[in-house]
Amino acid sequence: MIDFHSHILPGIDDGSKSVEESCRMLRESFMQGVSQIVATPHFYAEDNSPKKFLERRERAYKKLEPSLDSDMPEIFLGAEVKYFEGISRSDDVSLLKIEGTDLILLEMPFMAWNQRIVSEVIELASGRHTKLILAHIERYFRYGAEKYLDDFYRNDILIQANAESFIGGKFATRKVMNMLRDGKIDILGSDCHNMSSRRPNMGDARKEISKRIGNNMLDKLDEKAYNSLYSGK
């Protein structure tokens, strides 16, 4: 399985604090069945240019690289890009695509969305060979995001849900399970940050999905994830 959202690079954001912690996270992910993992450290335009961010990401990966071994998933480098005003007109945002793909993992604002924000996201998705994955959809329910989701579906924007939402509180779990049944969730990610409060948990989520919906749904998710990462289009 592929984990599309993780914070496993050491010392670059609020995720892993050390090479040792990164290795424990990677081994735990592998034990749960994750074969590929996308490293998506936070990118905040107010703090870094894309070029500076990529330099920091490369340094973090180079620290980790000598410790990688065969009982860890293959790592793809990406970013969790926080929405910012003017993102659709930024020439450098394309540098933040997941390596080898046209995919950008986009974190939406934690506030009530409006048509201006949604239109800018759609503009980004429609230009410069960019395909968007909307990060952790369950975190936006409280902001009335659902009324805009049809706009995203129509514009071929992929929707990612965190594994935790399938094993967490009853309200969130019921909603994401229903969305998954209706074909409105495309991609899963652990959004793991550490080995304590936000551990790798893709295996637990898949067990819940298998129990409530069935293994056919897991097969569909795996196929979508594989095609998204390896065709990247």
Protein backbone atom coordinates (compact mmCIF):
# COMPACT_ATOMS: atom_id res chain seq x y z
CA MET A 1 0.00 0.00 0.00
CA ILE A 2 1.03 3.63 -0.50
CA ASP A 3 0.99 6.26 2.23
CA PHE A 4 0.54 9.60 0.48
CA HIS A 5 0.94 11.90 3.50
CA SER A 6 3.68 11.68 6.11
CA HIS A 7 6.14 13.75 8.11
CA ILE A 8 8.99 11.27 8.32
CA LEU A 9 11.94 13.47 7.33
CA PRO A 10 14.00 14.41 10.39
CA GLY A 11 14.15 17.93 11.74
CA ILE A 12 12.41 19.80 8.92
CA ASP A 13 8.97 20.48 10.45
CA ASP A 14 6.78 19.39 13.38
CA GLY A 15 7.20 15.74 12.43
CA SER A 16 10.15 13.47 13.16
CA LYS A 17 12.76 15.09 15.38
CA SER A 18 15.66 12.74 14.61
CA VAL A 19 16.99 10.13 12.21
CA GLU A 20 16.28 7.49 14.87
CA GLU A 21 12.63 8.48 15.13
CA SER A 22 12.30 8.57 11.33
CA CYS A 23 13.66 5.04 11.14
CA ARG A 24 11.22 3.78 13.77
CA MET A 25 8.34 5.41 11.88
CA LEU A 26 9.45 3.90 8.60
CA ARG A 27 9.86 0.42 10.06
CA GLU A 28 6.45 0.61 11.71
CA SER A 29 4.89 1.69 8.42
CA PHE A 30 6.56 -1.19 6.60
CA MET A 31 5.35 -3.69 9.20
CA GLN A 32 1.79 -2.47 8.55
CA GLY A 33 2.17 -3.14 4.83
CA VAL A 34 3.24 0.25 3.45
CA SER A 35 5.53 -0.30 0.47
CA GLN A 36 5.84 3.33 -0.68
CA ILE A 37 5.57 6.47 1.43
CA VAL A 38 5.45 10.09 0.30
CA ALA A 39 7.40 12.43 2.58
CA THR A 40 5.34 15.61 2.73
CA PRO A 41 6.94 18.16 5.08
CA HIS A 42 4.99 21.36 5.57
CA PHE A 43 5.61 24.17 3.10
CA TYR A 44 4.53 27.64 4.24
CA ALA A 45 5.03 30.37 1.66
CA GLU A 46 5.40 32.98 4.39
CA ASP A 47 8.46 31.16 5.77
CA ASN A 48 10.26 29.83 2.70
CA SER A 49 10.52 30.15 -1.03
CA PRO A 50 10.03 26.83 -2.82
CA LYS A 51 13.73 26.77 -3.70
CA LYS A 52 14.81 27.27 -0.08
CA PHE A 53 12.33 24.64 1.04
CA LEU A 54 13.75 22.13 -1.44
CA GLU A 55 17.26 22.78 -0.13
CA ARG A 56 16.07 22.12 3.44
CA ARG A 57 14.21 18.99 2.34
CA GLU A 58 17.29 17.67 0.56
CA ARG A 59 19.42 18.20 3.67
CA ALA A 60 16.86 16.35 5.81
CA TYR A 61 16.71 13.46 3.34
CA LYS A 62 20.50 13.24 3.11
CA LYS A 63 20.66 12.89 6.90
CA LEU A 64 18.23 9.99 6.74
CA GLU A 65 19.49 8.27 3.59
CA PRO A 66 22.46 6.36 5.11
CA SER A 67 20.08 4.69 7.60
CA LEU A 68 17.54 3.46 5.04
CA ASP A 69 17.32 -0.28 4.53
CA SER A 70 15.16 -3.03 3.08
CA ASP A 71 12.65 -3.15 5.95
CA MET A 72 11.43 0.36 5.17
CA PRO A 73 9.11 1.70 2.46
CA GLU A 74 10.46 3.38 -0.64
CA ILE A 75 10.40 7.16 -0.08
CA PHE A 76 9.06 9.69 -2.57
CA LEU A 77 9.80 13.34 -1.79
CA GLY A 78 6.96 15.85 -1.82
CA ALA A 79 5.44 18.59 0.31
CA GLU A 80 2.25 19.49 2.14
CA VAL A 81 1.69 22.89 0.57
CA LYS A 82 -0.38 25.31 2.60
CA TYR A 83 -2.77 27.37 0.48
CA PHE A 84 -1.76 31.01 0.09
CA GLU A 85 -3.23 33.97 -1.75
CA GLY A 86 -1.92 33.95 -5.31
CA ILE A 87 -0.91 30.29 -5.31
CA SER A 88 -2.42 29.76 -8.75
CA ARG A 89 -0.15 32.48 -10.18
CA SER A 90 3.05 31.35 -8.45
CA ASP A 91 5.65 30.28 -11.00
CA ASP A 92 7.62 28.26 -8.44
CA VAL A 93 4.80 26.23 -6.86
CA SER A 94 5.30 23.55 -9.51
CA LEU A 95 8.67 22.82 -7.86
CA LEU A 96 6.70 21.33 -4.94
CA LYS A 97 5.22 18.46 -6.91
CA ILE A 98 5.78 14.94 -5.63
CA GLU A 99 8.95 13.79 -7.37
CA GLY A 100 8.37 12.21 -10.75
CA THR A 101 4.71 13.30 -10.86
CA ASP A 102 2.47 16.29 -11.48
CA LEU A 103 0.86 15.86 -8.04
CA ILE A 104 0.75 18.55 -5.35
CA LEU A 105 -0.63 17.80 -1.87
CA LEU A 106 -2.53 20.94 -0.88
CA GLU A 107 -3.54 21.92 2.64
CA MET A 108 -6.59 24.18 2.58
CA PRO A 109 -7.18 27.09 5.01
CA PHE A 110 -8.61 26.22 8.41
CA MET A 111 -11.42 28.73 8.10
CA ALA A 112 -14.70 29.06 6.26
CA TRP A 113 -13.97 28.58 2.57
CA ASN A 114 -15.43 30.96 0.01
CA GLN A 115 -15.83 30.96 -3.74
CA ARG A 116 -12.70 33.05 -4.25
CA ILE A 117 -10.51 30.46 -2.48
CA VAL A 118 -12.18 27.57 -4.29
CA SER A 119 -11.82 29.28 -7.67
CA GLU A 120 -8.10 29.84 -7.10
CA VAL A 121 -7.60 26.18 -6.22
CA ILE A 122 -9.44 25.14 -9.38
CA GLU A 123 -7.31 27.55 -11.41
CA LEU A 124 -4.17 25.95 -9.96
CA ALA A 125 -5.48 22.49 -10.79
CA SER A 126 -6.28 23.44 -14.37
CA GLY A 127 -2.91 24.90 -15.33
CA ARG A 128 0.74 23.96 -15.84
CA HIS A 129 0.22 20.20 -15.84
CA THR A 130 -0.69 20.19 -12.16
CA LYS A 131 -2.93 17.65 -10.46
CA LEU A 132 -3.99 18.42 -6.90
CA ILE A 133 -4.55 16.16 -3.93
CA LEU A 134 -6.60 17.88 -1.24
CA ALA A 135 -5.08 16.91 2.13
CA HIS A 136 -7.03 15.43 5.08
CA ILE A 137 -10.58 16.27 3.98
CA GLU A 138 -12.04 15.38 7.39
CA ARG A 139 -10.38 18.42 8.99
CA TYR A 140 -12.45 20.82 6.93
CA PHE A 141 -15.93 19.53 7.75
CA ARG A 142 -16.34 22.12 10.50
CA TYR A 143 -15.73 24.93 8.00
CA GLY A 144 -18.59 24.02 5.68
CA ALA A 145 -16.25 22.62 3.06
CA GLU A 146 -18.67 19.97 1.86
CA LYS A 147 -20.73 22.42 -0.16
CA TYR A 148 -17.70 23.06 -2.38
CA LEU A 149 -16.56 19.49 -2.90
CA ASP A 150 -18.60 18.94 -6.04
CA ASP A 151 -16.60 21.77 -7.64
CA PHE A 152 -13.41 19.87 -6.84
CA TYR A 153 -14.75 16.54 -8.09
CA ARG A 154 -15.77 18.15 -11.39
CA ASN A 155 -12.24 19.48 -11.81
CA ASP A 156 -10.57 16.11 -11.16
CA ILE A 157 -9.02 17.13 -7.83
CA LEU A 158 -8.18 14.09 -5.73
CA ILE A 159 -9.41 13.89 -2.13
CA GLN A 160 -7.16 12.47 0.59
CA ALA A 161 -8.35 11.31 4.01
CA ASN A 162 -6.18 10.58 7.03
CA ALA A 163 -6.08 7.04 8.35
CA GLU A 164 -6.96 8.32 11.82
CA SER A 165 -10.39 9.46 10.64
CA PHE A 166 -11.35 5.84 9.94
CA ILE A 167 -10.44 4.70 13.44
CA GLY A 168 -11.18 7.81 15.49
CA GLY A 169 -14.35 9.52 16.71
CA LYS A 170 -17.72 8.17 15.66
CA PHE A 171 -18.86 11.29 13.79
CA ALA A 172 -15.76 11.63 11.62
CA THR A 173 -15.54 7.89 11.05
CA ARG A 174 -19.15 7.66 9.87
CA LYS A 175 -18.71 10.57 7.48
CA VAL A 176 -15.50 9.37 5.87
CA MET A 177 -16.78 5.80 5.57
CA ASN A 178 -19.85 7.13 3.74
CA MET A 179 -17.69 9.30 1.50
CA LEU A 180 -15.49 6.31 0.72
CA ARG A 181 -18.53 4.16 -0.14
CA ASP A 182 -19.74 6.93 -2.46
CA GLY A 183 -16.40 7.15 -4.27
CA LYS A 184 -15.59 10.59 -2.85
CA ILE A 185 -12.26 9.70 -1.23
CA ASP A 186 -9.42 8.76 -3.57
CA ILE A 187 -6.25 8.59 -1.49
CA LEU A 188 -5.28 7.62 2.07
CA GLY A 189 -2.39 8.90 4.15
CA SER A 190 -1.26 8.42 7.70
CA ASP A 191 -0.16 12.03 8.27
CA CYS A 192 2.17 10.45 10.82
CA HIS A 193 4.41 12.84 12.75
CA ASN A 194 6.04 10.73 15.47
CA MET A 195 5.91 7.45 17.35
CA SER A 196 3.71 8.67 20.20
CA SER A 197 0.68 10.87 19.58
CA ARG A 198 0.63 10.61 15.75
CA ARG A 199 2.03 7.21 14.89
CA PRO A 200 1.93 5.40 11.55
CA ASN A 201 -1.56 3.84 11.38
CA MET A 202 -2.40 2.87 7.80
CA GLY A 203 -2.74 -0.78 8.79
CA ASP A 204 -5.36 -0.01 11.45
CA ALA A 205 -7.38 2.11 9.03
CA ARG A 206 -7.37 -0.63 6.41
CA LYS A 207 -8.64 -3.17 8.95
CA GLU A 208 -11.59 -0.89 9.73
CA ILE A 209 -12.33 -0.31 6.05
CA SER A 210 -12.17 -4.04 5.36
CA LYS A 211 -14.55 -4.75 8.25
CA ARG A 212 -17.10 -2.05 7.38
CA ILE A 213 -16.95 -1.90 3.58
CA GLY A 214 -14.93 -4.86 2.37
CA ASN A 215 -11.65 -5.77 0.69
CA ASN A 216 -12.93 -4.71 -2.73
CA MET A 217 -12.75 -1.12 -1.53
CA LEU A 218 -9.15 -1.61 -0.42
CA ASP A 219 -8.32 -2.98 -3.87
CA LYS A 220 -9.84 0.12 -5.47
CA LEU A 221 -7.89 2.42 -3.16
CA ASP A 222 -4.65 0.58 -3.90
CA GLU A 223 -5.23 0.77 -7.64
CA LYS A 224 -6.00 4.50 -7.47
CA ALA A 225 -2.97 5.19 -5.29
CA TYR A 226 -0.63 3.20 -7.53
CA ASN A 227 -1.90 4.83 -10.71
CA SER A 228 -1.71 8.28 -9.16
CA LEU A 229 1.87 7.87 -7.97
CA TYR A 230 3.28 6.05 -10.96
CA SER A 231 1.40 7.74 -13.77
CA GLY A 232 1.35 10.99 -11.82
CA LYS A 233 -1.17 12.48 -14.20
